[in-house]
């Protein structure tokens, strides 16, 4: 059974950067796509970024050019580098694979 453990996140000023990590334990195949979602207060969970096993990435329009998703298959870990953060990026961020979810990480962008 796959378990996902997230790290990173926290409080950052607008324009700052953060990196989230999501490490998978258990058997997970490098061919599987991995995703990051976020959920802001009072809003539905939304897809932020995806990466295929081949490393092809896709982003929500709201984060294109600012966020970078990457993966290290040797560590079963996926990353989300978040740059030029805005207050509207404030949310709980979740990683996901095969409908298995990480525990969530709070990201707060505020001055």
Foldseek 3Di string as FASTA:
>chain_A
DKAKAKDKADEAAAQAKIKMKIFIDDDDDLQFKKFKWWDDPPGDIGTAKIAGSVGDIDGDPVQPPFWDWDDDVVRNMIMIIGGSDDQVVFTWMWMDTPNHIYPTHTHGYHD
